[in-house]
Amino acid sequence: MPKPIRILMTVAVVVMAAMTTTPVAATPTHPLTRTITDMAGRKVQVPVTIHTVLATAPPPTTFVYMLAPDKLGGWLGRISKNDTQFIPKAYRDLPTFGWGRRAMNYEAYIAARPDLVFAGCEPGMDPSRAELTQAKMGTIPVVCVDDTRNAVGYAPTLRFIGNLLGVADRAEVLIRYYETVLDEVRRKVATIAEKDRVRVYYAEGNNGLSTDPSGSPHAQLIDVCGGLNVADCQLAAGSGMTPVTLESVLMWRPEVIITTSQAFAMHAAGNASWQKTPAVKNRRVHLTPSQPFNWFDRPPGVNRIVGIPWTARILYPTLFSQAWLEGKVREFYSLYYHHTLSEAELGSLLGF
């Protein structure tokens, strides 16, 4: 081969190698990262383009799934087979990350290589707590978001995450549904006189003898929907569930009992002592729907939006019709869970 041709070929190989192995550097006009202020007031540098997100708690995980499911890198805890029927197939088999009493597996988060990790925070939280999580996540940016234990305060977090993940328009659609339902319920129950408000007990645990009083995020939908939470007990921080006695419940005389425990719902129906309450006597014990996530509590997060019309309906059926509830549930599942409910699925959720 003539020498000039060999020289040209060598130059071509070098140029091609440089094109395929050298990353494109950030420039002032096309940066690879940007600095944001998260919901705890921290300055955080995040990628301009975000492909994959994880979270360290269930509420922000659910936010991501609702807003940008294709960016969700995994679930917190394992989703049961019964719940997956309400989740599109594309998202059912995402990796799962441990949640609960066990220590977080930070190595698993790092190995998954997300573009950022959302950590739940509460208003006024000490930002140094988030810095501890950041230190364990290494170079993966940790962004604090309000974990919205406040059922009337979901809009700011929906908007913040929507803007950050590039789905601001979708966030506004979800907010419109949420605020419309919330405003309608609050407006209608505001007309109910105090003496006419339904007396409600939130029965937790398999024996129904743990509860959360008014002011607790775990029982907040009772307050939002115009019920009178009869629990006269200490407000427990964190996971709540204040122990009470059956004698106290009988004295409180609840007209409606809400429970997340199927075991308790069955127990109360056949127990002579519980049958002394007006709620059990009049068959107004309501088991909360829970697929794919609970409508009323645990977690007390954005999954409770659909619980607002449900709770309003069971407390005040003359103000909120069954047809109205069914329409709101169908719309919620389509918008938030990316799933069109069949008539059979709607019936299984609502118990008809």
Protein backbone atom coordinates (compact mmCIF):
# COMPACT_ATOMS: atom_id res chain seq x y z
CA MET A 1 0.00 0.00 0.00
CA PRO A 2 1.46 3.42 -0.98
CA LYS A 3 2.60 5.53 1.99
CA PRO A 4 0.15 8.49 1.44
CA ILE A 5 -2.82 6.12 1.51
CA ARG A 6 -1.59 4.50 4.74
CA ILE A 7 -1.29 7.95 6.34
CA LEU A 8 -4.82 8.90 5.32
CA MET A 9 -6.27 5.67 6.70
CA THR A 10 -4.45 6.14 10.01
CA VAL A 11 -5.86 9.66 10.36
CA ALA A 12 -9.38 8.39 9.62
CA VAL A 13 -9.14 5.69 12.30
CA VAL A 14 -7.96 8.22 14.91
CA VAL A 15 -10.80 10.60 14.04
CA MET A 16 -13.44 7.85 14.24
CA ALA A 17 -12.09 6.66 17.60
CA ALA A 18 -12.27 10.18 18.98
CA MET A 19 -15.86 10.55 17.79
CA THR A 20 -17.02 7.33 19.49
CA THR A 21 -15.18 7.49 22.82
CA THR A 22 -15.03 11.16 23.80
CA PRO A 23 -18.18 12.40 25.60
CA VAL A 24 -19.71 15.67 24.60
CA ALA A 25 -18.63 18.27 27.12
CA ALA A 26 -21.03 20.70 28.69
CA THR A 27 -20.91 24.24 27.37
CA PRO A 28 -22.30 27.46 28.85
CA THR A 29 -25.21 27.29 26.40
CA HIS A 30 -25.77 23.51 26.72
CA PRO A 31 -25.03 22.50 30.34
CA LEU A 32 -25.38 18.90 31.51
CA THR A 33 -26.58 19.94 34.98
CA ARG A 34 -28.56 22.73 36.60
CA THR A 35 -29.03 23.94 40.15
CA ILE A 36 -32.48 23.83 41.73
CA THR A 37 -33.89 24.64 45.16
CA ASP A 38 -35.70 21.61 46.55
CA MET A 39 -38.72 21.66 48.88
CA ALA A 40 -36.50 21.69 51.97
CA GLY A 41 -34.75 24.85 50.73
CA ARG A 42 -31.55 23.04 49.72
CA LYS A 43 -29.56 23.92 46.61
CA VAL A 44 -29.11 20.73 44.58
CA GLN A 45 -27.34 20.17 41.27
CA VAL A 46 -29.38 17.82 39.07
CA PRO A 47 -29.09 16.62 35.47
CA VAL A 48 -30.80 18.75 32.85
CA THR A 49 -32.23 15.57 31.33
CA ILE A 50 -33.70 13.10 33.82
CA HIS A 51 -34.37 9.53 32.68
CA THR A 52 -34.64 7.46 35.87
CA VAL A 53 -35.81 8.37 39.37
CA LEU A 54 -36.01 6.49 42.67
CA ALA A 55 -37.43 7.56 46.03
CA THR A 56 -36.73 6.69 49.65
CA ALA A 57 -40.39 6.59 50.77
CA PRO A 58 -43.73 5.41 49.33
CA PRO A 59 -45.43 8.85 48.88
CA PRO A 60 -42.80 10.34 46.51
CA THR A 61 -42.58 6.99 44.71
CA THR A 62 -46.31 7.21 44.02
CA PHE A 63 -45.97 10.81 42.87
CA VAL A 64 -43.41 9.78 40.24
CA TYR A 65 -45.57 6.89 39.05
CA MET A 66 -48.58 9.18 38.69
CA LEU A 67 -46.72 11.96 36.90
CA ALA A 68 -44.03 10.23 34.84
CA PRO A 69 -44.26 6.43 35.09
CA ASP A 70 -41.62 5.87 32.41
CA LYS A 71 -39.08 7.59 34.66
CA LEU A 72 -39.81 5.46 37.74
CA GLY A 73 -36.87 3.16 38.41
CA GLY A 74 -38.48 0.98 41.08
CA TRP A 75 -41.13 0.50 43.76
CA LEU A 76 -40.81 0.78 47.51
CA GLY A 77 -41.81 -2.60 48.90
CA ARG A 78 -43.35 -5.41 46.91
CA ILE A 79 -46.68 -4.91 45.13
CA SER A 80 -49.05 -7.83 45.60
CA LYS A 81 -50.43 -9.83 42.69
CA ASN A 82 -53.94 -8.53 43.41
CA ASP A 83 -52.73 -4.95 43.11
CA THR A 84 -50.88 -5.37 39.83
CA GLN A 85 -54.10 -5.75 37.85
CA PHE A 86 -54.56 -2.00 38.33
CA ILE A 87 -51.04 -1.18 37.12
CA PRO A 88 -50.15 -1.38 33.40
CA LYS A 89 -47.89 -4.30 32.56
CA ALA A 90 -45.00 -2.02 31.61
CA TYR A 91 -44.63 -0.93 35.26
CA ARG A 92 -45.54 -4.07 37.22
CA ASP A 93 -42.14 -5.70 37.22
CA LEU A 94 -39.95 -2.74 38.09
CA PRO A 95 -37.26 -3.51 40.69
CA THR A 96 -38.34 -3.31 44.32
CA PHE A 97 -36.43 -1.61 47.09
CA GLY A 98 -36.87 -2.53 50.72
CA TRP A 99 -39.16 -0.48 52.91
CA GLY A 100 -40.24 -0.75 56.50
CA ARG A 101 -38.30 -1.51 59.65
CA ARG A 102 -35.18 -2.71 57.88
CA ALA A 103 -32.35 -0.27 57.18
CA MET A 104 -32.30 1.10 53.66
CA ASN A 105 -30.01 -0.65 51.22
CA TYR A 106 -28.13 2.35 49.86
CA GLU A 107 -25.86 0.11 47.83
CA ALA A 108 -28.89 -1.10 45.86
CA TYR A 109 -29.88 2.50 45.10
CA ILE A 110 -26.37 3.36 43.91
CA ALA A 111 -26.17 0.18 41.80
CA ALA A 112 -29.43 1.15 40.05
CA ARG A 113 -27.76 4.39 38.89
CA PRO A 114 -30.79 6.72 38.97
CA ASP A 115 -30.39 10.31 37.81
CA LEU A 116 -31.71 11.48 41.16
CA VAL A 117 -33.39 10.23 44.31
CA PHE A 118 -36.43 11.86 45.92
CA ALA A 119 -36.50 11.93 49.71
CA GLY A 120 -39.69 12.77 51.55
CA CYS A 121 -39.60 15.75 53.85
CA GLU A 122 -41.99 17.66 56.04
CA PRO A 123 -42.43 21.44 56.11
CA GLY A 124 -39.82 22.96 58.40
CA MET A 125 -37.68 19.83 58.40
CA ASP A 126 -34.02 20.29 59.32
CA PRO A 127 -32.15 20.12 55.96
CA SER A 128 -29.24 18.38 57.68
CA ARG A 129 -31.32 15.20 57.78
CA ALA A 130 -31.36 15.20 53.99
CA GLU A 131 -27.60 15.71 53.94
CA LEU A 132 -27.18 12.42 55.80
CA THR A 133 -29.09 10.67 53.02
CA GLN A 134 -27.06 12.55 50.41
CA ALA A 135 -23.81 11.38 51.98
CA LYS A 136 -24.93 7.76 51.70
CA MET A 137 -26.08 8.16 48.09
CA GLY A 138 -22.66 9.38 46.96
CA THR A 139 -22.79 11.42 43.77
CA ILE A 140 -26.48 10.71 43.08
CA PRO A 141 -28.36 13.96 43.85
CA VAL A 142 -30.94 13.71 46.63
CA VAL A 143 -33.92 16.05 46.15
CA CYS A 144 -36.29 16.67 49.07
CA VAL A 145 -39.99 16.85 48.27
CA ASP A 146 -42.87 17.47 50.65
CA ASP A 147 -44.20 13.96 51.32
CA THR A 148 -47.67 15.50 51.61
CA ARG A 149 -49.09 14.04 54.75
CA ASN A 150 -51.51 16.95 54.34
CA ALA A 151 -54.47 15.88 52.19
CA VAL A 152 -55.29 19.48 51.25
CA GLY A 153 -51.73 20.33 50.21
CA TYR A 154 -50.89 18.04 47.29
CA ALA A 155 -50.75 20.67 44.54
CA PRO A 156 -47.31 22.19 45.33
CA THR A 157 -45.59 18.78 45.28
CA LEU A 158 -47.36 17.67 42.11
CA ARG A 159 -46.27 20.92 40.48
CA PHE A 160 -42.68 20.75 41.78
CA ILE A 161 -42.07 17.16 40.65
CA GLY A 162 -43.88 17.76 37.36
CA ASN A 163 -41.67 20.74 36.55
CA LEU A 164 -38.49 18.92 37.55
CA LEU A 165 -39.30 15.82 35.48
CA GLY A 166 -40.40 17.79 32.42
CA VAL A 167 -44.11 16.96 32.66
CA ALA A 168 -45.45 20.29 33.89
CA ASP A 169 -48.55 20.15 31.69
CA ARG A 170 -49.49 16.72 33.00
CA ALA A 171 -49.04 17.94 36.56
CA GLU A 172 -51.56 20.71 35.94
CA VAL A 173 -54.10 18.18 34.62
CA LEU A 174 -53.76 16.10 37.80
CA ILE A 175 -53.97 19.20 39.98
CA ARG A 176 -57.15 20.32 38.21
CA TYR A 177 -58.87 17.02 39.00
CA TYR A 178 -57.69 17.06 42.61
CA GLU A 179 -58.65 20.65 43.34
CA THR A 180 -62.04 20.30 41.64
CA VAL A 181 -62.98 17.27 43.78
CA LEU A 182 -61.59 18.78 46.97
CA ASP A 183 -63.36 22.11 46.43
CA GLU A 184 -66.70 20.44 45.68
CA VAL A 185 -66.57 18.24 48.77
CA ARG A 186 -65.48 21.03 51.11
CA ARG A 187 -68.10 23.41 49.74
CA LYS A 188 -70.96 20.95 50.22
CA VAL A 189 -70.01 19.70 53.70
CA ALA A 190 -69.53 23.29 54.89
CA THR A 191 -73.33 23.64 54.81
CA ILE A 192 -73.80 20.87 57.40
CA ALA A 193 -74.54 22.12 60.91
CA GLU A 194 -72.22 20.91 63.66
CA LYS A 195 -75.04 18.98 65.36
CA ASP A 196 -75.78 17.11 62.12
CA ARG A 197 -72.22 16.00 61.38
CA VAL A 198 -71.70 12.24 61.26
CA ARG A 199 -69.80 10.72 64.20
CA VAL A 200 -66.90 8.66 62.80
CA TYR A 201 -64.41 6.23 64.32
CA TYR A 202 -61.28 5.12 62.45
CA ALA A 203 -60.67 1.50 63.54
CA GLU A 204 -57.08 0.35 63.06
CA GLY A 205 -55.54 -3.04 63.65
CA ASN A 206 -57.22 -6.41 63.50
CA ASN A 207 -59.06 -5.75 66.76
CA GLY A 208 -60.06 -2.20 65.80
CA LEU A 209 -58.71 -0.82 69.07
CA SER A 210 -56.08 1.54 67.69
CA THR A 211 -57.06 4.84 66.16
CA ASP A 212 -56.04 8.38 65.24
CA PRO A 213 -57.90 11.46 66.51
CA SER A 214 -58.72 14.66 64.67
CA GLY A 215 -55.51 16.45 63.73
CA SER A 216 -53.67 13.28 62.75
CA PRO A 217 -52.69 12.97 59.07
CA HIS A 218 -53.79 9.33 59.22
CA ALA A 219 -57.42 10.26 59.90
CA GLN A 220 -57.45 13.56 58.03
CA LEU A 221 -60.03 12.59 55.41
CA ILE A 222 -62.67 12.45 58.17
CA ASP A 223 -62.04 16.13 58.88
CA VAL A 224 -61.77 17.07 55.19
CA CYS A 225 -65.09 15.41 54.38
CA GLY A 226 -67.04 16.98 57.22
CA GLY A 227 -67.14 14.09 59.66
CA LEU A 228 -66.78 14.37 63.42
CA ASN A 229 -63.87 12.21 64.54
CA VAL A 230 -65.07 10.80 67.87
CA ALA A 231 -61.69 9.56 69.08
CA ASP A 232 -60.92 11.43 72.29
CA CYS A 233 -57.36 10.22 72.79
CA GLN A 234 -53.76 11.29 72.54
CA LEU A 235 -52.42 12.31 69.15
CA ALA A 236 -49.45 10.02 68.43
CA ALA A 237 -46.69 11.29 66.18
CA GLY A 238 -45.18 9.31 63.31
CA SER A 239 -47.13 6.17 62.47
CA GLY A 240 -49.96 7.02 64.87
CA MET A 241 -52.27 4.20 65.99
CA THR A 242 -53.07 5.25 69.57
CA PRO A 243 -54.39 2.28 71.61
CA VAL A 244 -57.91 2.71 73.02
CA THR A 245 -60.39 0.52 74.87
CA LEU A 246 -63.63 -0.95 73.60
CA GLU A 247 -65.40 0.77 76.48
CA SER A 248 -64.22 4.11 75.11
CA VAL A 249 -65.46 3.31 71.61
CA LEU A 250 -68.87 2.31 72.97
CA MET A 251 -69.00 5.59 74.90
CA TRP A 252 -68.12 7.56 71.76
CA ARG A 253 -71.05 5.97 69.88
CA PRO A 254 -69.75 6.23 66.30
CA GLU A 255 -72.35 6.27 63.55
CA VAL A 256 -69.78 5.28 60.91
CA ILE A 257 -66.66 3.17 61.31
CA ILE A 258 -63.88 3.29 58.72
CA THR A 259 -61.25 0.56 58.77
CA THR A 260 -58.34 -0.59 56.64
CA SER A 261 -58.46 -4.08 58.22
CA GLN A 262 -60.63 -6.72 56.59
CA ALA A 263 -60.12 -8.92 59.66
CA PHE A 264 -61.64 -6.25 61.90
CA ALA A 265 -64.56 -5.59 59.54
CA MET A 266 -65.48 -9.27 59.73
CA HIS A 267 -64.89 -9.41 63.50
CA ALA A 268 -67.07 -6.39 64.26
CA ALA A 269 -70.00 -7.72 62.25
CA GLY A 270 -70.21 -10.83 64.42
CA ASN A 271 -69.19 -9.46 67.79
CA ALA A 272 -71.90 -8.71 70.34
CA SER A 273 -69.97 -5.86 71.97
CA TRP A 274 -69.20 -4.07 68.72
CA GLN A 275 -72.83 -4.52 67.66
CA LYS A 276 -73.76 -2.08 70.43
CA THR A 277 -72.29 0.77 68.38
CA PRO A 278 -74.70 2.55 66.00
CA ALA A 279 -72.22 2.00 63.15
CA VAL A 280 -72.22 -1.80 63.40
CA LYS A 281 -75.91 -1.98 64.26
CA ASN A 282 -76.80 0.02 61.12
CA ARG A 283 -74.22 -1.73 58.91
CA ARG A 284 -72.13 1.36 58.38
CA VAL A 285 -68.71 -0.23 58.81
CA HIS A 286 -66.69 0.56 55.70
CA LEU A 287 -63.53 -1.26 54.62
CA THR A 288 -61.32 1.12 52.65
CA PRO A 289 -60.51 0.14 49.06
CA SER A 290 -56.78 -0.49 48.77
CA GLN A 291 -55.84 -1.44 45.21
CA PRO A 292 -53.26 -0.67 44.06
CA PHE A 293 -52.78 1.72 47.01
CA ASN A 294 -55.00 2.48 49.97
CA TRP A 295 -57.61 5.21 49.50
CA PHE A 296 -57.67 6.40 53.10
CA ASP A 297 -54.33 5.91 54.83
CA ARG A 298 -51.00 4.09 55.01
CA PRO A 299 -49.40 5.72 53.34
CA PRO A 300 -51.11 9.04 54.08
CA GLY A 301 -49.98 10.33 50.71
CA VAL A 302 -51.30 11.40 47.32
CA ASN A 303 -52.98 8.00 46.89
CA ARG A 304 -55.70 9.43 49.18
CA ILE A 305 -57.01 11.82 46.52
CA VAL A 306 -59.50 9.17 45.38
CA GLY A 307 -60.38 8.66 49.04
CA ILE A 308 -61.82 12.16 49.23
CA PRO A 309 -64.92 11.40 47.12
CA TRP A 310 -65.16 7.91 48.66
CA THR A 311 -65.15 9.21 52.23
CA ALA A 312 -67.60 11.99 51.35
CA ARG A 313 -69.99 9.45 49.83
CA ILE A 314 -69.97 7.03 52.81
CA LEU A 315 -70.45 9.86 55.30
CA TYR A 316 -73.13 11.81 53.42
CA PRO A 317 -74.82 9.63 50.78
CA THR A 318 -77.64 12.16 50.31
CA LEU A 319 -75.13 14.86 49.32
CA PHE A 320 -72.90 12.68 47.14
CA SER A 321 -74.52 10.13 44.83
CA GLN A 322 -73.20 6.71 43.90
CA ALA A 323 -73.05 7.73 40.23
CA TRP A 324 -70.98 10.77 41.16
CA LEU A 325 -68.54 8.61 43.13
CA GLU A 326 -68.20 6.06 40.34
CA GLY A 327 -67.42 8.79 37.83
CA LYS A 328 -64.74 10.29 40.09
CA VAL A 329 -63.13 6.89 40.68
CA ARG A 330 -63.01 6.05 36.97
CA GLU A 331 -61.47 9.43 36.18
CA PHE A 332 -58.89 9.14 38.95
CA TYR A 333 -57.67 5.70 37.87
CA SER A 334 -57.38 6.84 34.27
CA LEU A 335 -55.50 10.05 35.10
CA TYR A 336 -53.36 8.96 38.02
CA TYR A 337 -52.88 5.21 37.63
CA HIS A 338 -52.88 5.03 33.81
CA HIS A 339 -55.56 2.35 33.93
CA THR A 340 -59.09 2.20 32.51
CA LEU A 341 -61.35 0.44 35.00
CA SER A 342 -63.66 -2.27 33.77
CA GLU A 343 -67.13 -2.53 35.29
CA ALA A 344 -65.99 -5.62 37.22
CA GLU A 345 -62.92 -3.82 38.59
CA LEU A 346 -64.99 -0.82 39.64
CA GLY A 347 -67.40 -3.16 41.37
CA SER A 348 -64.61 -4.95 43.22
CA LEU A 349 -63.22 -1.65 44.47
CA LEU A 350 -66.56 -0.24 45.59
CA GLY A 351 -68.10 -3.50 46.76
CA PHE A 352 -71.03 -3.93 44.40
